[in-house]
Amino acid sequence: DVSHLYMLKHFVDRGAVTGPLYIQ
């Protein structure tokens, strides 16, 4: 869902996820 992209952005902003991101 589109909302899942915003959840991923939340975790990127938290510093819990770093690139390169691989999004399915």
PDB file of all heavy atoms in Angstrom:
ATOM      1  N   ASP A   1       0.859  -1.181   0.000  1.00  0.00           N
ATOM      2  CA  ASP A   1       0.000   0.000   0.000  1.00  0.00           C
ATOM      3  C   ASP A   1       0.898   1.234   0.000  1.00  0.00           C
ATOM      4  O   ASP A   1       2.058   1.164   0.431  1.00  0.00           O
ATOM      5  CB  ASP A   1      -0.893  -0.009   1.241  1.00  0.00           C
ATOM      6  CG  ASP A   1      -2.017   1.000   1.157  1.00  0.00           C
ATOM      7  OD1 ASP A   1      -1.783   2.156   1.552  1.00  0.00           O
ATOM      8  OD2 ASP A   1      -3.119   0.648   0.700  1.00  0.00           O
ATOM      9  N   VAL A   2       0.352   2.352  -0.454  1.00  0.00           N
ATOM     10  CA  VAL A   2       1.114   3.601  -0.428  1.00  0.00           C
ATOM     11  C   VAL A   2       1.532   3.950   0.996  1.00  0.00           C
ATOM     12  O   VAL A   2       2.638   4.459   1.227  1.00  0.00           O
ATOM     13  CB  VAL A   2       0.289   4.751  -1.049  1.00  0.00           C
ATOM     14  CG1 VAL A   2       1.079   6.050  -1.009  1.00  0.00           C
ATOM     15  CG2 VAL A   2      -0.097   4.420  -2.483  1.00  0.00           C
ATOM     16  N   SER A   3       0.661   3.670   1.952  1.00  0.00           N
ATOM     17  CA  SER A   3       0.974   3.985   3.346  1.00  0.00           C
ATOM     18  C   SER A   3       2.232   3.275   3.826  1.00  0.00           C
ATOM     19  O   SER A   3       2.940   3.775   4.714  1.00  0.00           O
ATOM     20  CB  SER A   3      -0.209   3.606   4.250  1.00  0.00           C
ATOM     21  OG  SER A   3      -0.465   2.213   4.194  1.00  0.00           O
ATOM     22  N   HIS A   4       2.539   2.112   3.237  1.00  0.00           N
ATOM     23  CA  HIS A   4       3.729   1.372   3.647  1.00  0.00           C
ATOM     24  C   HIS A   4       5.011   2.111   3.267  1.00  0.00           C
ATOM     25  O   HIS A   4       6.043   1.966   3.934  1.00  0.00           O
ATOM     26  CB  HIS A   4       3.700  -0.027   3.043  1.00  0.00           C
ATOM     27  CG  HIS A   4       2.592  -0.884   3.566  1.00  0.00           C
ATOM     28  ND1 HIS A   4       2.383  -2.183   3.144  1.00  0.00           N
ATOM     29  CD2 HIS A   4       1.611  -0.633   4.475  1.00  0.00           C
ATOM     30  CE1 HIS A   4       1.328  -2.692   3.772  1.00  0.00           C
ATOM     31  NE2 HIS A   4       0.850  -1.764   4.577  1.00  0.00           N
ATOM     32  N   LEU A   5       4.962   2.900   2.203  1.00  0.00           N
ATOM     33  CA  LEU A   5       6.125   3.716   1.864  1.00  0.00           C
ATOM     34  C   LEU A   5       6.377   4.780   2.934  1.00  0.00           C
ATOM     35  O   LEU A   5       7.537   5.068   3.280  1.00  0.00           O
ATOM     36  CB  LEU A   5       5.923   4.387   0.505  1.00  0.00           C
ATOM     37  CG  LEU A   5       5.945   3.475  -0.715  1.00  0.00           C
ATOM     38  CD1 LEU A   5       5.591   4.269  -1.968  1.00  0.00           C
ATOM     39  CD2 LEU A   5       7.295   2.796  -0.877  1.00  0.00           C
ATOM     40  N   TYR A   6       5.309   5.347   3.459  1.00  0.00           N
ATOM     41  CA  TYR A   6       5.470   6.342   4.505  1.00  0.00           C
ATOM     42  C   TYR A   6       5.967   5.710   5.810  1.00  0.00           C
ATOM     43  O   TYR A   6       6.716   6.334   6.568  1.00  0.00           O
ATOM     44  CB  TYR A   6       4.158   7.100   4.723  1.00  0.00           C
ATOM     45  CG  TYR A   6       3.845   8.046   3.587  1.00  0.00           C
ATOM     46  CD1 TYR A   6       3.053   7.648   2.517  1.00  0.00           C
ATOM     47  CD2 TYR A   6       4.382   9.333   3.560  1.00  0.00           C
ATOM     48  CE1 TYR A   6       2.787   8.494   1.457  1.00  0.00           C
ATOM     49  CE2 TYR A   6       4.121  10.194   2.505  1.00  0.00           C
ATOM     50  CZ  TYR A   6       3.317   9.773   1.451  1.00  0.00           C
ATOM     51  OH  TYR A   6       3.076  10.619   0.411  1.00  0.00           O
ATOM     52  N   MET A   7       5.568   4.461   6.076  1.00  0.00           N
ATOM     53  CA  MET A   7       6.104   3.759   7.244  1.00  0.00           C
ATOM     54  C   MET A   7       7.597   3.512   7.068  1.00  0.00           C
ATOM     55  O   MET A   7       8.388   3.678   8.006  1.00  0.00           O
ATOM     56  CB  MET A   7       5.363   2.443   7.458  1.00  0.00           C
ATOM     57  CG  MET A   7       5.808   1.667   8.695  1.00  0.00           C
ATOM     58  SD  MET A   7       5.562   2.591  10.241  1.00  0.00           S
ATOM     59  CE  MET A   7       3.763   2.535  10.363  1.00  0.00           C
ATOM     60  N   LEU A   8       8.002   3.150   5.864  1.00  0.00           N
ATOM     61  CA  LEU A   8       9.427   2.972   5.604  1.00  0.00           C
ATOM     62  C   LEU A   8      10.179   4.281   5.785  1.00  0.00           C
ATOM     63  O   LEU A   8      11.264   4.305   6.400  1.00  0.00           O
ATOM     64  CB  LEU A   8       9.628   2.436   4.182  1.00  0.00           C
ATOM     65  CG  LEU A   8      11.073   2.257   3.714  1.00  0.00           C
ATOM     66  CD1 LEU A   8      11.870   1.368   4.660  1.00  0.00           C
ATOM     67  CD2 LEU A   8      11.099   1.686   2.286  1.00  0.00           C
ATOM     68  N   LYS A   9       9.620   5.375   5.309  1.00  0.00           N
ATOM     69  CA  LYS A   9      10.261   6.677   5.493  1.00  0.00           C
ATOM     70  C   LYS A   9      10.404   7.001   6.976  1.00  0.00           C
ATOM     71  O   LYS A   9      11.433   7.567   7.406  1.00  0.00           O
ATOM     72  CB  LYS A   9       9.431   7.764   4.800  1.00  0.00           C
ATOM     73  CG  LYS A   9      10.009   9.188   4.925  1.00  0.00           C
ATOM     74  CD  LYS A   9      11.376   9.299   4.268  1.00  0.00           C
ATOM     75  CE  LYS A   9      11.779  10.740   3.977  1.00  0.00           C
ATOM     76  NZ  LYS A   9      11.800  11.619   5.158  1.00  0.00           N
ATOM     77  N   HIS A  10       9.410   6.634   7.771  1.00  0.00           N
ATOM     78  CA  HIS A  10       9.489   6.828   9.223  1.00  0.00           C
ATOM     79  C   HIS A  10      10.715   6.131   9.803  1.00  0.00           C
ATOM     80  O   HIS A  10      11.449   6.711  10.613  1.00  0.00           O
ATOM     81  CB  HIS A  10       8.206   6.298   9.870  1.00  0.00           C
ATOM     82  CG  HIS A  10       8.281   6.096  11.346  1.00  0.00           C
ATOM     83  ND1 HIS A  10       8.244   7.143  12.238  1.00  0.00           N
ATOM     84  CD2 HIS A  10       8.403   4.963  12.094  1.00  0.00           C
ATOM     85  CE1 HIS A  10       8.335   6.671  13.477  1.00  0.00           C
ATOM     86  NE2 HIS A  10       8.431   5.360  13.411  1.00  0.00           N
ATOM     87  N   PHE A  11      10.959   4.889   9.371  1.00  0.00           N
ATOM     88  CA  PHE A  11      12.103   4.155   9.910  1.00  0.00           C
ATOM     89  C   PHE A  11      13.430   4.679   9.354  1.00  0.00           C
ATOM     90  O   PHE A  11      14.457   4.630  10.046  1.00  0.00           O
ATOM     91  CB  PHE A  11      11.938   2.659   9.656  1.00  0.00           C
ATOM     92  CG  PHE A  11      11.020   1.999  10.649  1.00  0.00           C
ATOM     93  CD1 PHE A  11       9.699   1.772  10.342  1.00  0.00           C
ATOM     94  CD2 PHE A  11      11.476   1.659  11.911  1.00  0.00           C
ATOM     95  CE1 PHE A  11       8.834   1.192  11.264  1.00  0.00           C
ATOM     96  CE2 PHE A  11      10.641   1.081  12.843  1.00  0.00           C
ATOM     97  CZ  PHE A  11       9.310   0.848  12.530  1.00  0.00           C
ATOM     98  N   VAL A  12      13.424   5.188   8.140  1.00  0.00           N
ATOM     99  CA  VAL A  12      14.611   5.852   7.623  1.00  0.00           C
ATOM    100  C   VAL A  12      14.924   7.085   8.472  1.00  0.00           C
ATOM    101  O   VAL A  12      16.077   7.317   8.869  1.00  0.00           O
ATOM    102  CB  VAL A  12      14.420   6.236   6.139  1.00  0.00           C
ATOM    103  CG1 VAL A  12      15.556   7.140   5.672  1.00  0.00           C
ATOM    104  CG2 VAL A  12      14.341   4.992   5.267  1.00  0.00           C
ATOM    105  N   ASP A  13      13.898   7.878   8.767  1.00  0.00           N
ATOM    106  CA  ASP A  13      14.084   9.087   9.571  1.00  0.00           C
ATOM    107  C   ASP A  13      14.552   8.762  10.986  1.00  0.00           C
ATOM    108  O   ASP A  13      15.266   9.565  11.602  1.00  0.00           O
ATOM    109  CB  ASP A  13      12.789   9.892   9.622  1.00  0.00           C
ATOM    110  CG  ASP A  13      12.428  10.523   8.283  1.00  0.00           C
ATOM    111  OD1 ASP A  13      13.311  10.600   7.405  1.00  0.00           O
ATOM    112  OD2 ASP A  13      11.263  10.924   8.116  1.00  0.00           O
ATOM    113  N   ARG A  14      14.150   7.616  11.499  1.00  0.00           N
ATOM    114  CA  ARG A  14      14.587   7.169  12.829  1.00  0.00           C
ATOM    115  C   ARG A  14      16.033   6.685  12.834  1.00  0.00           C
ATOM    116  O   ARG A  14      16.623   6.456  13.893  1.00  0.00           O
ATOM    117  CB  ARG A  14      13.690   6.035  13.331  1.00  0.00           C
ATOM    118  CG  ARG A  14      12.367   6.483  13.891  1.00  0.00           C
ATOM    119  CD  ARG A  14      11.445   5.319  14.233  1.00  0.00           C
ATOM    120  NE  ARG A  14      12.020   4.314  15.115  1.00  0.00           N
ATOM    121  CZ  ARG A  14      11.320   3.319  15.661  1.00  0.00           C
ATOM    122  NH1 ARG A  14      10.018   3.216  15.413  1.00  0.00           N
ATOM    123  NH2 ARG A  14      11.893   2.429  16.451  1.00  0.00           N
ATOM    124  N   GLY A  15      16.598   6.492  11.662  1.00  0.00           N
ATOM    125  CA  GLY A  15      17.950   5.969  11.563  1.00  0.00           C
ATOM    126  C   GLY A  15      18.029   4.465  11.671  1.00  0.00           C
ATOM    127  O   GLY A  15      19.122   3.895  11.756  1.00  0.00           O
ATOM    128  N   ALA A  16      16.873   3.798  11.613  1.00  0.00           N
ATOM    129  CA  ALA A  16      16.842   2.343  11.729  1.00  0.00           C
ATOM    130  C   ALA A  16      17.096   1.650  10.403  1.00  0.00           C
ATOM    131  O   ALA A  16      17.361   0.439  10.369  1.00  0.00           O
ATOM    132  CB  ALA A  16      15.491   1.893  12.289  1.00  0.00           C
ATOM    133  N   VAL A  17      17.005   2.415   9.314  1.00  0.00           N
ATOM    134  CA  VAL A  17      17.191   1.874   7.972  1.00  0.00           C
ATOM    135  C   VAL A  17      18.115   2.801   7.199  1.00  0.00           C
ATOM    136  O   VAL A  17      17.946   4.021   7.250  1.00  0.00           O
ATOM    137  CB  VAL A  17      15.849   1.759   7.220  1.00  0.00           C
ATOM    138  CG1 VAL A  17      16.073   1.327   5.786  1.00  0.00           C
ATOM    139  CG2 VAL A  17      14.916   0.794   7.934  1.00  0.00           C
ATOM    140  N   THR A  18      19.080   2.214   6.511  1.00  0.00           N
ATOM    141  CA  THR A  18      19.967   3.005   5.660  1.00  0.00           C
ATOM    142  C   THR A  18      19.942   2.428   4.237  1.00  0.00           C
ATOM    143  O   THR A  18      19.604   1.264   4.025  1.00  0.00           O
ATOM    144  CB  THR A  18      21.404   2.999   6.185  1.00  0.00           C
ATOM    145  OG1 THR A  18      21.881   1.642   6.268  1.00  0.00           O
ATOM    146  CG2 THR A  18      21.474   3.643   7.563  1.00  0.00           C
ATOM    147  N   GLY A  19      20.290   3.261   3.273  1.00  0.00           N
ATOM    148  CA  GLY A  19      20.281   2.850   1.874  1.00  0.00           C
ATOM    149  C   GLY A  19      21.468   1.979   1.526  1.00  0.00           C
ATOM    150  O   GLY A  19      22.388   1.825   2.325  1.00  0.00           O
ATOM    151  N   PRO A  20      21.482   1.421   0.314  1.00  0.00           N
ATOM    152  CA  PRO A  20      20.407   1.538  -0.669  1.00  0.00           C
ATOM    153  C   PRO A  20      19.188   0.703  -0.285  1.00  0.00           C
ATOM    154  O   PRO A  20      19.335  -0.426   0.173  1.00  0.00           O
ATOM    155  CB  PRO A  20      21.055   0.998  -1.953  1.00  0.00           C
ATOM    156  CG  PRO A  20      22.090   0.018  -1.459  1.00  0.00           C
ATOM    157  CD  PRO A  20      22.609   0.593  -0.178  1.00  0.00           C
ATOM    158  N   LEU A  21      18.009   1.300  -0.428  1.00  0.00           N
ATOM    159  CA  LEU A  21      16.770   0.596  -0.113  1.00  0.00           C
ATOM    160  C   LEU A  21      16.348  -0.249  -1.313  1.00  0.00           C
ATOM    161  O   LEU A  21      16.456   0.195  -2.456  1.00  0.00           O
ATOM    162  CB  LEU A  21      15.654   1.588   0.211  1.00  0.00           C
ATOM    163  CG  LEU A  21      15.943   2.648   1.283  1.00  0.00           C
ATOM    164  CD1 LEU A  21      14.771   3.615   1.386  1.00  0.00           C
ATOM    165  CD2 LEU A  21      16.212   1.978   2.627  1.00  0.00           C
ATOM    166  N   TYR A  22      15.846  -1.440  -1.032  1.00  0.00           N
ATOM    167  CA  TYR A  22      15.275  -2.290  -2.083  1.00  0.00           C
ATOM    168  C   TYR A  22      13.802  -2.487  -1.737  1.00  0.00           C
ATOM    169  O   TYR A  22      13.465  -3.171  -0.775  1.00  0.00           O
ATOM    170  CB  TYR A  22      16.001  -3.627  -2.153  1.00  0.00           C
ATOM    171  CG  TYR A  22      15.667  -4.430  -3.394  1.00  0.00           C
ATOM    172  CD1 TYR A  22      15.957  -3.941  -4.661  1.00  0.00           C
ATOM    173  CD2 TYR A  22      15.089  -5.689  -3.289  1.00  0.00           C
ATOM    174  CE1 TYR A  22      15.673  -4.677  -5.802  1.00  0.00           C
ATOM    175  CE2 TYR A  22      14.802  -6.431  -4.426  1.00  0.00           C
ATOM    176  CZ  TYR A  22      15.095  -5.920  -5.682  1.00  0.00           C
ATOM    177  OH  TYR A  22      14.814  -6.646  -6.807  1.00  0.00           O
ATOM    178  N   ILE A  23      12.932  -1.834  -2.502  1.00  0.00           N
ATOM    179  CA  ILE A  23      11.509  -1.785  -2.184  1.00  0.00           C
ATOM    180  C   ILE A  23      10.742  -2.639  -3.182  1.00  0.00           C
ATOM    181  O   ILE A  23      10.886  -2.482  -4.393  1.00  0.00           O
ATOM    182  CB  ILE A  23      10.982  -0.340  -2.232  1.00  0.00           C
ATOM    183  CG1 ILE A  23      11.796   0.558  -1.290  1.00  0.00           C
ATOM    184  CG2 ILE A  23       9.503  -0.305  -1.856  1.00  0.00           C
ATOM    185  CD1 ILE A  23      11.413   2.035  -1.366  1.00  0.00           C
ATOM    186  N   GLN A  24       9.932  -3.553  -2.644  1.00  0.00           N
ATOM    187  CA  GLN A  24       9.083  -4.396  -3.470  1.00  0.00           C
ATOM    188  C   GLN A  24       7.655  -3.845  -3.443  1.00  0.00           C
ATOM    189  O   GLN A  24       7.015  -3.805  -2.385  1.00  0.00           O
ATOM    190  CB  GLN A  24       9.081  -5.824  -2.923  1.00  0.00           C
ATOM    191  CG  GLN A  24       8.358  -6.835  -3.790  1.00  0.00           C
ATOM    192  CD  GLN A  24       9.201  -7.320  -4.932  1.00  0.00           C
ATOM    193  OE1 GLN A  24       8.969  -6.944  -6.086  1.00  0.00           O
ATOM    194  NE2 GLN A  24      10.195  -8.145  -4.649  1.00  0.00           N
TER     195      GLN A  24
END
